[in-house]
Amino acid sequence: MEIRYWKVDFHVHTCYSGDSLTSLEAVIEACRGRGLDKVAITDHNTIAGALALSEMAPDLVIVGEEIKTKVGEIIAYFLTEEVPKGLPLEEAIARVRQQGGVVGVPHPLDRLRREALGRTHLLSIIEQVDLLEVFNARTVFPADNRRALELAREHGLLATAGSDAHTPGEIGQAYVEMPAFNDRDEFLRSLAEGQIVGRLTSPLIHLVSTWAKLVEKLRG
């Protein structure tokens, strides 16, 4: 039987993140237009947008969250409950595990991001991590992605890629092509056979996020 492959962008933000103005409708339109089969909605410290979008397009969405801990960010998938920000690193991981979620780390070695977990903190919890984002399209220095890939290989971790999109135009800039899956366990098995596809976004895109933050602040 021929295996069906899906294109999965593992890192997308919506207007439910404070630094994105992308509507849920725009996410769906971008995904359909670019041939993405699944998209992980990983808004900052909330799953509200992911849950809302999964109601609109249940075939498309993996419910995720980019979670700010006391020492940096982790990223989680297959969530049913929101994990609050500001927790100690190991407690945040435990809360993901308690609901059967998958634990990852986004842009782990990005030298320009204050939110990056960094090598020291990552190694302290490496045995509790399922996957590592080894290609983030918003990473400015390609070497930082390469170092993340080397670390994933060194520790036998599954590798993901994501656009880290904060605008509709970025969605699908990076993704994993992997066998289709039906649930969390199949997802992990499929990811082990995945191939990363992606290209870096212009560093100027970060100015759009800064603008979005300003707009949200003025609205607030």
N, C-alpha and C. Protein backbone atom coordinates (compact mmCIF):
# COMPACT_ATOMS: atom_id res chain seq x y z
N MET A 1 0.84 -1.20 0.00
CA MET A 1 0.00 0.00 0.00
C MET A 1 0.88 1.25 0.00
N GLU A 2 0.54 2.19 -0.85
CA GLU A 2 1.32 3.42 -0.96
C GLU A 2 1.15 4.27 0.30
N ILE A 3 2.26 4.76 0.84
CA ILE A 3 2.23 5.60 2.04
C ILE A 3 1.92 7.03 1.64
N ARG A 4 0.97 7.62 2.34
CA ARG A 4 0.64 9.02 2.10
C ARG A 4 1.50 9.90 2.99
N TYR A 5 2.09 10.95 2.41
CA TYR A 5 2.94 11.87 3.16
C TYR A 5 2.25 13.21 3.35
N TRP A 6 2.45 13.77 4.52
CA TRP A 6 1.89 15.07 4.87
C TRP A 6 3.00 16.10 5.03
N LYS A 7 2.64 17.35 4.74
CA LYS A 7 3.51 18.48 5.04
C LYS A 7 3.00 19.14 6.31
N VAL A 8 3.87 19.23 7.32
CA VAL A 8 3.46 19.71 8.64
C VAL A 8 4.37 20.85 9.08
N ASP A 9 3.79 22.04 9.25
CA ASP A 9 4.51 23.18 9.83
C ASP A 9 4.30 23.12 11.34
N PHE A 10 5.37 23.00 12.09
CA PHE A 10 5.30 22.74 13.52
C PHE A 10 5.27 23.99 14.40
N HIS A 11 5.21 25.18 13.81
CA HIS A 11 5.38 26.37 14.66
C HIS A 11 4.71 27.56 13.99
N VAL A 12 3.46 27.83 14.35
CA VAL A 12 2.71 28.93 13.74
C VAL A 12 1.95 29.69 14.83
N HIS A 13 1.98 31.02 14.72
CA HIS A 13 1.29 31.90 15.66
C HIS A 13 0.09 32.57 15.00
N THR A 14 -0.90 32.89 15.81
CA THR A 14 -2.09 33.59 15.34
C THR A 14 -2.26 34.88 16.14
N CYS A 15 -3.39 35.55 15.91
CA CYS A 15 -3.68 36.78 16.64
C CYS A 15 -3.89 36.55 18.13
N TYR A 16 -3.91 35.29 18.56
CA TYR A 16 -3.99 35.00 19.99
C TYR A 16 -2.62 35.14 20.66
N SER A 17 -1.57 35.30 19.87
CA SER A 17 -0.25 35.66 20.40
C SER A 17 -0.14 37.18 20.40
N GLY A 18 0.54 37.72 21.38
CA GLY A 18 0.64 39.17 21.51
C GLY A 18 1.49 39.84 20.46
N ASP A 19 2.22 39.04 19.67
CA ASP A 19 3.11 39.62 18.66
C ASP A 19 2.73 39.18 17.25
N SER A 20 1.45 38.83 17.06
CA SER A 20 0.95 38.44 15.75
C SER A 20 -0.44 39.01 15.55
N LEU A 21 -0.74 39.41 14.30
CA LEU A 21 -2.06 39.92 13.96
C LEU A 21 -2.78 38.98 13.00
N THR A 22 -2.25 37.77 12.80
CA THR A 22 -2.80 36.84 11.82
C THR A 22 -4.12 36.25 12.28
N SER A 23 -5.15 36.45 11.50
CA SER A 23 -6.47 35.92 11.85
C SER A 23 -6.51 34.41 11.63
N LEU A 24 -7.46 33.77 12.27
CA LEU A 24 -7.61 32.32 12.10
C LEU A 24 -7.98 31.98 10.66
N GLU A 25 -8.81 32.81 10.07
CA GLU A 25 -9.19 32.58 8.67
C GLU A 25 -7.98 32.66 7.74
N ALA A 26 -7.07 33.58 8.04
CA ALA A 26 -5.87 33.74 7.22
C ALA A 26 -4.95 32.53 7.34
N VAL A 27 -4.91 31.93 8.52
CA VAL A 27 -4.10 30.72 8.70
C VAL A 27 -4.64 29.60 7.82
N ILE A 28 -5.94 29.40 7.86
CA ILE A 28 -6.54 28.33 7.05
C ILE A 28 -6.29 28.58 5.57
N GLU A 29 -6.50 29.81 5.12
CA GLU A 29 -6.30 30.14 3.71
C GLU A 29 -4.86 29.88 3.28
N ALA A 30 -3.90 30.28 4.12
CA ALA A 30 -2.49 30.08 3.78
C ALA A 30 -2.13 28.61 3.72
N CYS A 31 -2.61 27.84 4.67
CA CYS A 31 -2.31 26.41 4.70
C CYS A 31 -2.89 25.70 3.49
N ARG A 32 -4.14 25.98 3.18
CA ARG A 32 -4.77 25.34 2.03
C ARG A 32 -4.06 25.74 0.74
N GLY A 33 -3.71 27.01 0.64
CA GLY A 33 -3.09 27.50 -0.59
C GLY A 33 -1.69 26.96 -0.82
N ARG A 34 -1.01 26.58 0.27
CA ARG A 34 0.38 26.13 0.14
C ARG A 34 0.53 24.62 0.31
N GLY A 35 -0.59 23.93 0.38
CA GLY A 35 -0.53 22.48 0.40
C GLY A 35 -0.09 21.87 1.72
N LEU A 36 -0.25 22.61 2.81
CA LEU A 36 0.07 22.05 4.11
C LEU A 36 -1.07 21.14 4.56
N ASP A 37 -0.73 19.98 5.08
CA ASP A 37 -1.74 19.03 5.54
C ASP A 37 -2.06 19.19 7.02
N LYS A 38 -1.07 19.63 7.79
CA LYS A 38 -1.25 19.88 9.22
C LYS A 38 -0.44 21.10 9.61
N VAL A 39 -0.94 21.78 10.64
CA VAL A 39 -0.21 22.93 11.16
C VAL A 39 -0.35 22.92 12.68
N ALA A 40 0.76 23.09 13.36
CA ALA A 40 0.73 23.17 14.82
C ALA A 40 0.57 24.64 15.20
N ILE A 41 -0.54 24.95 15.85
CA ILE A 41 -0.77 26.32 16.33
C ILE A 41 -0.14 26.42 17.71
N THR A 42 0.89 27.23 17.81
CA THR A 42 1.72 27.28 19.02
C THR A 42 1.80 28.72 19.53
N ASP A 43 0.65 29.29 19.84
CA ASP A 43 0.63 30.65 20.36
C ASP A 43 1.35 30.73 21.70
N HIS A 44 1.80 31.94 22.02
CA HIS A 44 2.53 32.16 23.27
C HIS A 44 1.59 32.01 24.48
N ASN A 45 1.86 30.98 25.28
CA ASN A 45 1.23 30.82 26.60
C ASN A 45 -0.29 30.72 26.55
N THR A 46 -0.83 30.22 25.46
CA THR A 46 -2.27 29.99 25.36
C THR A 46 -2.57 28.95 24.30
N ILE A 47 -3.65 28.20 24.52
CA ILE A 47 -4.13 27.28 23.48
C ILE A 47 -5.49 27.74 22.95
N ALA A 48 -5.93 28.92 23.34
CA ALA A 48 -7.25 29.40 22.94
C ALA A 48 -7.38 29.49 21.43
N GLY A 49 -6.37 30.05 20.78
CA GLY A 49 -6.42 30.16 19.32
C GLY A 49 -6.38 28.81 18.65
N ALA A 50 -5.57 27.91 19.16
CA ALA A 50 -5.48 26.56 18.59
C ALA A 50 -6.81 25.83 18.71
N LEU A 51 -7.46 25.96 19.86
CA LEU A 51 -8.75 25.30 20.05
C LEU A 51 -9.81 25.89 19.13
N ALA A 52 -9.81 27.21 19.00
CA ALA A 52 -10.78 27.86 18.12
C ALA A 52 -10.56 27.45 16.67
N LEU A 53 -9.32 27.40 16.26
CA LEU A 53 -9.02 27.02 14.88
C LEU A 53 -9.32 25.55 14.62
N SER A 54 -9.12 24.71 15.63
CA SER A 54 -9.42 23.28 15.46
C SER A 54 -10.92 23.05 15.30
N GLU A 55 -11.74 23.96 15.83
CA GLU A 55 -13.18 23.88 15.60
C GLU A 55 -13.51 24.25 14.16
N MET A 56 -12.77 25.19 13.61
CA MET A 56 -13.01 25.66 12.24
C MET A 56 -12.45 24.68 11.19
N ALA A 57 -11.32 24.07 11.51
CA ALA A 57 -10.65 23.17 10.56
C ALA A 57 -10.05 21.99 11.32
N PRO A 58 -10.89 21.07 11.79
CA PRO A 58 -10.39 19.98 12.63
C PRO A 58 -9.39 19.06 11.95
N ASP A 59 -9.43 18.99 10.63
CA ASP A 59 -8.48 18.14 9.90
C ASP A 59 -7.09 18.74 9.83
N LEU A 60 -6.99 20.03 10.11
CA LEU A 60 -5.75 20.77 9.86
C LEU A 60 -4.87 20.96 11.09
N VAL A 61 -5.48 21.09 12.27
CA VAL A 61 -4.79 21.67 13.42
C VAL A 61 -4.27 20.65 14.41
N ILE A 62 -3.02 20.85 14.84
CA ILE A 62 -2.46 20.22 16.04
C ILE A 62 -2.45 21.30 17.11
N VAL A 63 -3.07 21.01 18.24
CA VAL A 63 -3.15 22.00 19.32
C VAL A 63 -1.82 22.03 20.08
N GLY A 64 -1.16 23.16 20.02
CA GLY A 64 0.12 23.31 20.69
C GLY A 64 0.19 24.61 21.47
N GLU A 65 1.35 24.83 22.07
CA GLU A 65 1.58 26.05 22.86
C GLU A 65 3.08 26.27 23.00
N GLU A 66 3.50 27.50 22.80
CA GLU A 66 4.88 27.89 23.11
C GLU A 66 4.85 28.49 24.51
N ILE A 67 5.52 27.83 25.44
CA ILE A 67 5.35 28.11 26.86
C ILE A 67 6.61 28.77 27.41
N LYS A 68 6.45 29.94 28.00
CA LYS A 68 7.57 30.63 28.61
C LYS A 68 7.73 30.15 30.05
N THR A 69 8.85 29.51 30.33
CA THR A 69 9.15 29.08 31.69
C THR A 69 10.06 30.11 32.35
N LYS A 70 10.47 29.83 33.55
CA LYS A 70 11.34 30.77 34.27
C LYS A 70 12.69 30.96 33.58
N VAL A 71 13.11 29.99 32.75
CA VAL A 71 14.45 30.07 32.17
C VAL A 71 14.45 30.05 30.64
N GLY A 72 13.30 30.03 30.02
CA GLY A 72 13.26 29.98 28.56
C GLY A 72 12.04 29.22 28.09
N GLU A 73 11.90 29.11 26.77
CA GLU A 73 10.69 28.54 26.20
C GLU A 73 10.81 27.05 25.88
N ILE A 74 9.69 26.36 26.09
CA ILE A 74 9.51 25.03 25.53
C ILE A 74 8.30 25.11 24.60
N ILE A 75 8.10 24.06 23.82
CA ILE A 75 6.96 24.01 22.92
C ILE A 75 6.29 22.65 23.09
N ALA A 76 4.97 22.63 23.10
CA ALA A 76 4.25 21.39 23.39
C ALA A 76 3.16 21.17 22.35
N TYR A 77 2.85 19.89 22.12
CA TYR A 77 1.85 19.50 21.12
C TYR A 77 0.87 18.50 21.72
N PHE A 78 -0.31 18.40 21.10
CA PHE A 78 -1.37 17.50 21.53
C PHE A 78 -1.84 17.84 22.94
N LEU A 79 -2.07 19.12 23.16
CA LEU A 79 -2.54 19.59 24.46
C LEU A 79 -4.06 19.66 24.51
N THR A 80 -4.57 19.47 25.70
CA THR A 80 -6.00 19.67 25.96
C THR A 80 -6.22 20.76 27.00
N GLU A 81 -5.17 21.09 27.74
CA GLU A 81 -5.24 22.13 28.76
C GLU A 81 -4.05 23.08 28.60
N GLU A 82 -4.32 24.35 28.86
CA GLU A 82 -3.27 25.36 28.77
C GLU A 82 -2.26 25.20 29.91
N VAL A 83 -0.99 25.37 29.59
CA VAL A 83 0.06 25.38 30.60
C VAL A 83 0.43 26.84 30.87
N PRO A 84 0.29 27.32 32.10
CA PRO A 84 0.55 28.74 32.38
C PRO A 84 2.03 29.09 32.22
N LYS A 85 2.27 30.34 31.90
CA LYS A 85 3.65 30.81 31.77
C LYS A 85 4.26 31.05 33.15
N GLY A 86 5.60 31.11 33.17
CA GLY A 86 6.31 31.48 34.38
C GLY A 86 6.59 30.35 35.35
N LEU A 87 6.28 29.12 34.95
CA LEU A 87 6.55 27.99 35.84
C LEU A 87 8.02 27.60 35.79
N PRO A 88 8.52 26.93 36.82
CA PRO A 88 9.84 26.31 36.70
C PRO A 88 9.84 25.34 35.53
N LEU A 89 10.98 25.19 34.90
CA LEU A 89 11.09 24.39 33.68
C LEU A 89 10.53 22.98 33.84
N GLU A 90 10.94 22.29 34.88
CA GLU A 90 10.51 20.91 35.06
C GLU A 90 9.03 20.81 35.38
N GLU A 91 8.48 21.80 36.06
CA GLU A 91 7.04 21.77 36.34
C GLU A 91 6.24 21.96 35.07
N ALA A 92 6.69 22.85 34.18
CA ALA A 92 6.00 23.04 32.91
C ALA A 92 6.01 21.75 32.09
N ILE A 93 7.14 21.08 32.07
CA ILE A 93 7.23 19.80 31.36
C ILE A 93 6.28 18.78 31.97
N ALA A 94 6.23 18.73 33.28
CA ALA A 94 5.35 17.79 33.97
C ALA A 94 3.89 18.03 33.61
N ARG A 95 3.50 19.29 33.48
CA ARG A 95 2.11 19.60 33.14
C ARG A 95 1.77 19.17 31.72
N VAL A 96 2.74 19.26 30.84
CA VAL A 96 2.53 18.75 29.48
C VAL A 96 2.37 17.23 29.52
N ARG A 97 3.23 16.57 30.25
CA ARG A 97 3.20 15.11 30.34
C ARG A 97 1.90 14.62 30.97
N GLN A 98 1.40 15.32 31.97
CA GLN A 98 0.19 14.89 32.67
C GLN A 98 -1.02 14.79 31.75
N GLN A 99 -1.02 15.55 30.67
CA GLN A 99 -2.15 15.50 29.75
C GLN A 99 -1.81 14.74 28.47
N GLY A 100 -0.72 13.99 28.51
CA GLY A 100 -0.35 13.17 27.36
C GLY A 100 0.25 13.94 26.21
N GLY A 101 0.75 15.15 26.48
CA GLY A 101 1.33 15.96 25.43
C GLY A 101 2.75 15.57 25.08
N VAL A 102 3.22 16.15 24.00
CA VAL A 102 4.57 15.92 23.50
C VAL A 102 5.41 17.15 23.81
N VAL A 103 6.61 16.94 24.33
CA VAL A 103 7.48 18.03 24.78
C VAL A 103 8.58 18.30 23.76
N GLY A 104 8.68 19.56 23.35
CA GLY A 104 9.75 19.96 22.45
C GLY A 104 10.40 21.24 22.93
N VAL A 105 11.43 21.64 22.22
CA VAL A 105 12.13 22.90 22.52
C VAL A 105 12.29 23.67 21.22
N PRO A 106 11.76 24.90 21.15
CA PRO A 106 11.90 25.70 19.92
C PRO A 106 13.19 26.50 19.91
N HIS A 107 13.71 26.71 18.69
CA HIS A 107 14.93 27.54 18.50
C HIS A 107 15.87 27.44 19.71
N PRO A 108 16.31 26.24 20.08
CA PRO A 108 16.98 26.05 21.37
C PRO A 108 18.31 26.78 21.51
N LEU A 109 19.03 26.97 20.41
CA LEU A 109 20.37 27.55 20.50
C LEU A 109 20.48 28.86 19.72
N ASP A 110 19.36 29.53 19.54
CA ASP A 110 19.35 30.80 18.81
C ASP A 110 20.00 31.88 19.67
N ARG A 111 21.11 32.37 19.21
CA ARG A 111 21.92 33.30 20.02
C ARG A 111 21.28 34.68 20.18
N LEU A 112 20.31 35.02 19.33
CA LEU A 112 19.69 36.34 19.39
C LEU A 112 18.39 36.38 20.18
N ARG A 113 17.90 35.24 20.60
CA ARG A 113 16.59 35.21 21.27
C ARG A 113 16.76 35.05 22.77
N ARG A 114 16.24 36.00 23.49
CA ARG A 114 16.27 35.91 24.95
C ARG A 114 15.45 34.73 25.45
N GLU A 115 14.44 34.34 24.66
CA GLU A 115 13.56 33.26 25.08
C GLU A 115 14.15 31.87 24.83
N ALA A 116 15.23 31.79 24.07
CA ALA A 116 15.83 30.49 23.77
C ALA A 116 16.30 29.81 25.06
N LEU A 117 16.06 28.51 25.14
CA LEU A 117 16.41 27.79 26.37
C LEU A 117 17.92 27.75 26.58
N GLY A 118 18.67 27.59 25.51
CA GLY A 118 20.12 27.54 25.62
C GLY A 118 20.63 26.16 25.99
N ARG A 119 21.90 25.94 25.71
CA ARG A 119 22.47 24.60 25.88
C ARG A 119 22.44 24.12 27.33
N THR A 120 22.79 24.96 28.28
CA THR A 120 22.89 24.52 29.67
C THR A 120 21.54 24.06 30.21
N HIS A 121 20.51 24.86 30.04
CA HIS A 121 19.19 24.49 30.54
C HIS A 121 18.63 23.30 29.76
N LEU A 122 18.88 23.28 28.46
CA LEU A 122 18.38 22.17 27.65
C LEU A 122 19.00 20.85 28.09
N LEU A 123 20.29 20.85 28.31
CA LEU A 123 20.95 19.60 28.71
C LEU A 123 20.47 19.14 30.09
N SER A 124 20.02 20.07 30.91
CA SER A 124 19.56 19.68 32.24
C SER A 124 18.25 18.89 32.20
N ILE A 125 17.49 19.01 31.10
CA ILE A 125 16.21 18.29 31.01
C ILE A 125 16.13 17.46 29.72
N ILE A 126 17.27 17.19 29.12
CA ILE A 126 17.30 16.56 27.80
C ILE A 126 16.60 15.21 27.78
N GLU A 127 16.63 14.48 28.90
CA GLU A 127 16.00 13.17 28.95
C GLU A 127 14.47 13.27 28.99
N GLN A 128 13.95 14.46 29.23
CA GLN A 128 12.50 14.66 29.30
C GLN A 128 11.93 15.26 28.01
N VAL A 129 12.78 15.44 27.03
CA VAL A 129 12.38 16.08 25.77
C VAL A 129 12.14 15.02 24.70
N ASP A 130 11.04 15.18 23.95
CA ASP A 130 10.73 14.27 22.85
C ASP A 130 11.34 14.72 21.54
N LEU A 131 11.36 16.02 21.32
CA LEU A 131 11.80 16.50 20.01
C LEU A 131 12.42 17.89 20.13
N LEU A 132 13.21 18.21 19.13
CA LEU A 132 13.93 19.47 19.11
C LEU A 132 13.65 20.16 17.77
N GLU A 133 13.36 21.44 17.83
CA GLU A 133 13.20 22.20 16.60
C GLU A 133 14.59 22.49 16.04
N VAL A 134 14.90 21.89 14.91
CA VAL A 134 16.25 22.02 14.35
C VAL A 134 16.29 22.94 13.14
N PHE A 135 15.12 23.36 12.67
CA PHE A 135 15.07 24.39 11.62
C PHE A 135 13.92 25.33 11.95
N ASN A 136 14.30 26.55 12.32
CA ASN A 136 13.33 27.62 12.58
C ASN A 136 13.58 28.67 11.52
N ALA A 137 12.55 28.97 10.72
CA ALA A 137 12.74 29.86 9.58
C ALA A 137 13.06 31.29 9.99
N ARG A 138 12.76 31.66 11.23
CA ARG A 138 13.06 33.02 11.70
C ARG A 138 14.44 33.15 12.34
N THR A 139 15.17 32.07 12.43
CA THR A 139 16.52 32.14 12.98
C THR A 139 17.42 32.92 12.02
N VAL A 140 18.13 33.90 12.54
CA VAL A 140 18.94 34.76 11.70
C VAL A 140 20.22 34.08 11.24
N PHE A 141 20.89 33.36 12.14
CA PHE A 141 22.16 32.72 11.81
C PHE A 141 21.92 31.23 11.52
N PRO A 142 22.14 30.77 10.28
CA PRO A 142 21.94 29.37 9.94
C PRO A 142 22.70 28.40 10.84
N ALA A 143 23.84 28.83 11.34
CA ALA A 143 24.64 27.96 12.20
C ALA A 143 23.89 27.56 13.46
N ASP A 144 22.99 28.42 13.93
CA ASP A 144 22.24 28.11 15.15
C ASP A 144 21.28 26.95 14.90
N ASN A 145 20.68 26.89 13.72
CA ASN A 145 19.86 25.74 13.35
C ASN A 145 20.71 24.49 13.21
N ARG A 146 21.87 24.62 12.61
CA ARG A 146 22.75 23.46 12.42
C ARG A 146 23.20 22.89 13.76
N ARG A 147 23.49 23.76 14.70
CA ARG A 147 23.91 23.29 16.02
C ARG A 147 22.77 22.56 16.73
N ALA A 148 21.54 23.01 16.52
CA ALA A 148 20.39 22.32 17.10
C ALA A 148 20.24 20.94 16.48
N LEU A 149 20.45 20.82 15.18
CA LEU A 149 20.38 19.52 14.52
C LEU A 149 21.45 18.57 15.05
N GLU A 150 22.65 19.08 15.22
CA GLU A 150 23.74 18.26 15.76
C GLU A 150 23.40 17.75 17.16
N LEU A 151 22.80 18.63 17.98
CA LEU A 151 22.43 18.25 19.34
C LEU A 151 21.33 17.19 19.33
N ALA A 152 20.36 17.33 18.44
CA ALA A 152 19.29 16.34 18.33
C ALA A 152 19.85 14.98 17.95
N ARG A 153 20.76 14.95 17.00
CA ARG A 153 21.37 13.69 16.57
C ARG A 153 22.21 13.09 17.70
N GLU A 154 22.92 13.93 18.40
CA GLU A 154 23.78 13.46 19.49
C GLU A 154 22.98 12.77 20.58
N HIS A 155 21.76 13.25 20.83
CA HIS A 155 20.94 12.72 21.93
C HIS A 155 19.77 11.87 21.44
N GLY A 156 19.74 11.58 20.15
CA GLY A 156 18.71 10.70 19.61
C GLY A 156 17.31 11.27 19.70
N LEU A 157 17.17 12.60 19.55
CA LEU A 157 15.87 13.24 19.63
C LEU A 157 15.24 13.38 18.25
N LEU A 158 13.92 13.33 18.19
CA LEU A 158 13.21 13.61 16.96
C LEU A 158 13.39 15.07 16.59
N ALA A 159 13.41 15.34 15.29
CA ALA A 159 13.69 16.68 14.79
C ALA A 159 12.46 17.27 14.10
N THR A 160 12.19 18.55 14.37
CA THR A 160 11.09 19.23 13.72
C THR A 160 11.57 20.51 13.03
N ALA A 161 10.67 21.06 12.22
CA ALA A 161 10.94 22.33 11.55
C ALA A 161 9.66 23.15 11.55
N GLY A 162 9.81 24.46 11.65
CA GLY A 162 8.63 25.32 11.65
C GLY A 162 8.95 26.69 11.13
N SER A 163 7.94 27.32 10.58
CA SER A 163 8.11 28.67 10.05
C SER A 163 8.24 29.70 11.17
N ASP A 164 7.69 29.38 12.36
CA ASP A 164 7.57 30.37 13.44
C ASP A 164 6.80 31.58 12.92
N ALA A 165 5.82 31.30 12.06
CA ALA A 165 5.09 32.36 11.37
C ALA A 165 4.32 33.24 12.34
N HIS A 166 4.48 34.54 12.16
CA HIS A 166 3.66 35.54 12.85
C HIS A 166 2.84 36.34 11.85
N THR A 167 3.03 36.05 10.56
CA THR A 167 2.27 36.66 9.48
C THR A 167 1.82 35.55 8.54
N PRO A 168 0.73 35.76 7.79
CA PRO A 168 0.26 34.71 6.87
C PRO A 168 1.29 34.33 5.82
N GLY A 169 2.06 35.30 5.35
CA GLY A 169 3.03 35.02 4.30
C GLY A 169 4.14 34.07 4.70
N GLU A 170 4.39 33.94 6.00
CA GLU A 170 5.46 33.06 6.47
C GLU A 170 5.04 31.59 6.59
N ILE A 171 3.75 31.35 6.69
CA ILE A 171 3.28 29.99 6.95
C ILE A 171 3.74 29.04 5.84
N GLY A 172 4.33 27.94 6.25
CA GLY A 172 4.85 26.97 5.30
C GLY A 172 6.27 27.24 4.84
N GLN A 173 6.91 28.24 5.41
CA GLN A 173 8.29 28.56 5.05
C GLN A 173 9.22 27.41 5.45
N ALA A 174 8.83 26.67 6.48
CA ALA A 174 9.57 25.47 6.87
C ALA A 174 8.55 24.44 7.36
N TYR A 175 8.81 23.17 7.05
CA TYR A 175 7.89 22.12 7.45
C TYR A 175 8.61 20.77 7.43
N VAL A 176 7.93 19.76 7.95
CA VAL A 176 8.44 18.39 7.88
C VAL A 176 7.51 17.60 6.97
N GLU A 177 8.08 16.87 6.03
CA GLU A 177 7.31 15.96 5.19
C GLU A 177 7.41 14.58 5.83
N MET A 178 6.28 14.03 6.25
CA MET A 178 6.29 12.82 7.06
C MET A 178 5.05 11.97 6.75
N PRO A 179 5.10 10.67 7.05
CA PRO A 179 3.94 9.82 6.81
C PRO A 179 2.72 10.32 7.59
N ALA A 180 1.55 10.18 7.00
CA ALA A 180 0.31 10.59 7.65
C ALA A 180 0.13 9.84 8.97
N PHE A 181 -0.57 10.47 9.90
CA PHE A 181 -0.76 9.88 11.23
C PHE A 181 -2.17 10.18 11.72
N ASN A 182 -2.63 9.39 12.67
CA ASN A 182 -3.99 9.55 13.20
C ASN A 182 -4.02 10.05 14.64
N ASP A 183 -2.95 9.81 15.39
CA ASP A 183 -2.95 10.18 16.80
C ASP A 183 -1.53 10.48 17.26
N ARG A 184 -1.40 10.74 18.56
CA ARG A 184 -0.11 11.14 19.12
C ARG A 184 0.97 10.08 18.90
N ASP A 185 0.65 8.84 19.17
CA ASP A 185 1.66 7.78 19.06
C ASP A 185 2.08 7.57 17.62
N GLU A 186 1.12 7.59 16.70
CA GLU A 186 1.47 7.48 15.29
C GLU A 186 2.29 8.68 14.83
N PHE A 187 1.95 9.84 15.38
CA PHE A 187 2.69 11.05 15.08
C PHE A 187 4.18 10.89 15.39
N LEU A 188 4.50 10.37 16.56
CA LEU A 188 5.90 10.20 16.95
C LEU A 188 6.61 9.20 16.05
N ARG A 189 5.93 8.13 15.68
CA ARG A 189 6.54 7.15 14.78
C ARG A 189 6.75 7.75 13.39
N SER A 190 5.80 8.53 12.93
CA SER A 190 5.92 9.14 11.61
C SER A 190 7.03 10.17 11.57
N LEU A 191 7.14 10.94 12.65
CA LEU A 191 8.16 11.99 12.69
C LEU A 191 9.56 11.40 12.56
N ALA A 192 9.74 10.21 13.07
CA ALA A 192 11.05 9.55 12.97
C ALA A 192 11.45 9.31 11.51
N GLU A 193 10.47 9.31 10.61
CA GLU A 193 10.75 9.11 9.18
C GLU A 193 10.65 10.41 8.40
N GLY A 194 10.50 11.53 9.10
CA GLY A 194 10.27 12.79 8.42
C GLY A 194 11.50 13.39 7.78
N GLN A 195 11.25 14.22 6.78
CA GLN A 195 12.29 14.97 6.09
C GLN A 195 12.01 16.46 6.22
N ILE A 196 13.04 17.21 6.60
CA ILE A 196 12.88 18.65 6.83
C ILE A 196 13.05 19.42 5.53
N VAL A 197 12.12 20.33 5.30
CA VAL A 197 12.15 21.21 4.14
C VAL A 197 12.01 22.64 4.64
N GLY A 198 12.85 23.54 4.16
CA GLY A 198 12.67 24.91 4.63
C GLY A 198 13.69 25.88 4.09
N ARG A 199 13.34 27.15 4.21
CA ARG A 199 14.25 28.23 3.86
C ARG A 199 14.06 29.35 4.88
N LEU A 200 15.11 30.09 5.12
CA LEU A 200 15.06 31.14 6.13
C LEU A 200 14.27 32.35 5.64
N THR A 201 13.55 32.95 6.56
CA THR A 201 12.84 34.19 6.30
C THR A 201 13.79 35.37 6.45
N SER A 202 13.51 36.46 5.76
CA SER A 202 14.32 37.66 5.91
C SER A 202 14.30 38.12 7.37
N PRO A 203 15.45 38.52 7.90
CA PRO A 203 15.48 39.04 9.28
C PRO A 203 14.57 40.24 9.49
N LEU A 204 14.24 40.93 8.42
CA LEU A 204 13.37 42.11 8.54
C LEU A 204 11.97 41.74 9.02
N ILE A 205 11.61 40.46 8.92
CA ILE A 205 10.28 40.04 9.34
C ILE A 205 10.06 40.30 10.83
N HIS A 206 11.15 40.36 11.61
CA HIS A 206 11.01 40.60 13.04
C HIS A 206 10.43 41.99 13.33
N LEU A 207 10.59 42.90 12.38
CA LEU A 207 10.01 44.23 12.54
C LEU A 207 8.48 44.16 12.54
N VAL A 208 7.94 43.19 11.80
CA VAL A 208 6.49 43.02 11.75
C VAL A 208 5.97 42.60 13.13
N SER A 209 6.70 41.72 13.80
CA SER A 209 6.31 41.30 15.15
C SER A 209 6.36 42.47 16.12
N THR A 210 7.37 43.32 15.97
CA THR A 210 7.47 44.50 16.82
C THR A 210 6.28 45.42 16.59
N TRP A 211 5.89 45.57 15.33
CA TRP A 211 4.72 46.39 15.02
C TRP A 211 3.46 45.78 15.63
N ALA A 212 3.32 44.45 15.54
CA ALA A 212 2.15 43.78 16.09
C ALA A 212 2.07 43.99 17.61
N LYS A 213 3.20 43.94 18.28
CA LYS A 213 3.21 44.18 19.72
C LYS A 213 2.73 45.59 20.04
N LEU A 214 3.17 46.56 19.22
CA LEU A 214 2.76 47.94 19.43
C LEU A 214 1.25 48.09 19.24
N VAL A 215 0.74 47.46 18.18
CA VAL A 215 -0.71 47.52 17.92
C VAL A 215 -1.49 46.94 19.08
N GLU A 216 -1.04 45.78 19.57
CA GLU A 216 -1.73 45.13 20.70
C GLU A 216 -1.66 46.00 21.96
N LYS A 217 -0.53 46.67 22.15
CA LYS A 217 -0.38 47.54 23.31
C LYS A 217 -1.34 48.71 23.22
N LEU A 218 -1.46 49.28 22.05
CA LEU A 218 -2.38 50.41 21.86
C LEU A 218 -3.83 49.97 22.02
N ARG A 219 -4.15 48.78 21.57
CA ARG A 219 -5.50 48.25 21.76
C ARG A 219 -5.80 48.05 23.24
N GLY A 220 -4.75 47.59 23.96
CA GLY A 220 -4.93 47.31 25.38
C GLY A 220 -5.14 48.55 26.21
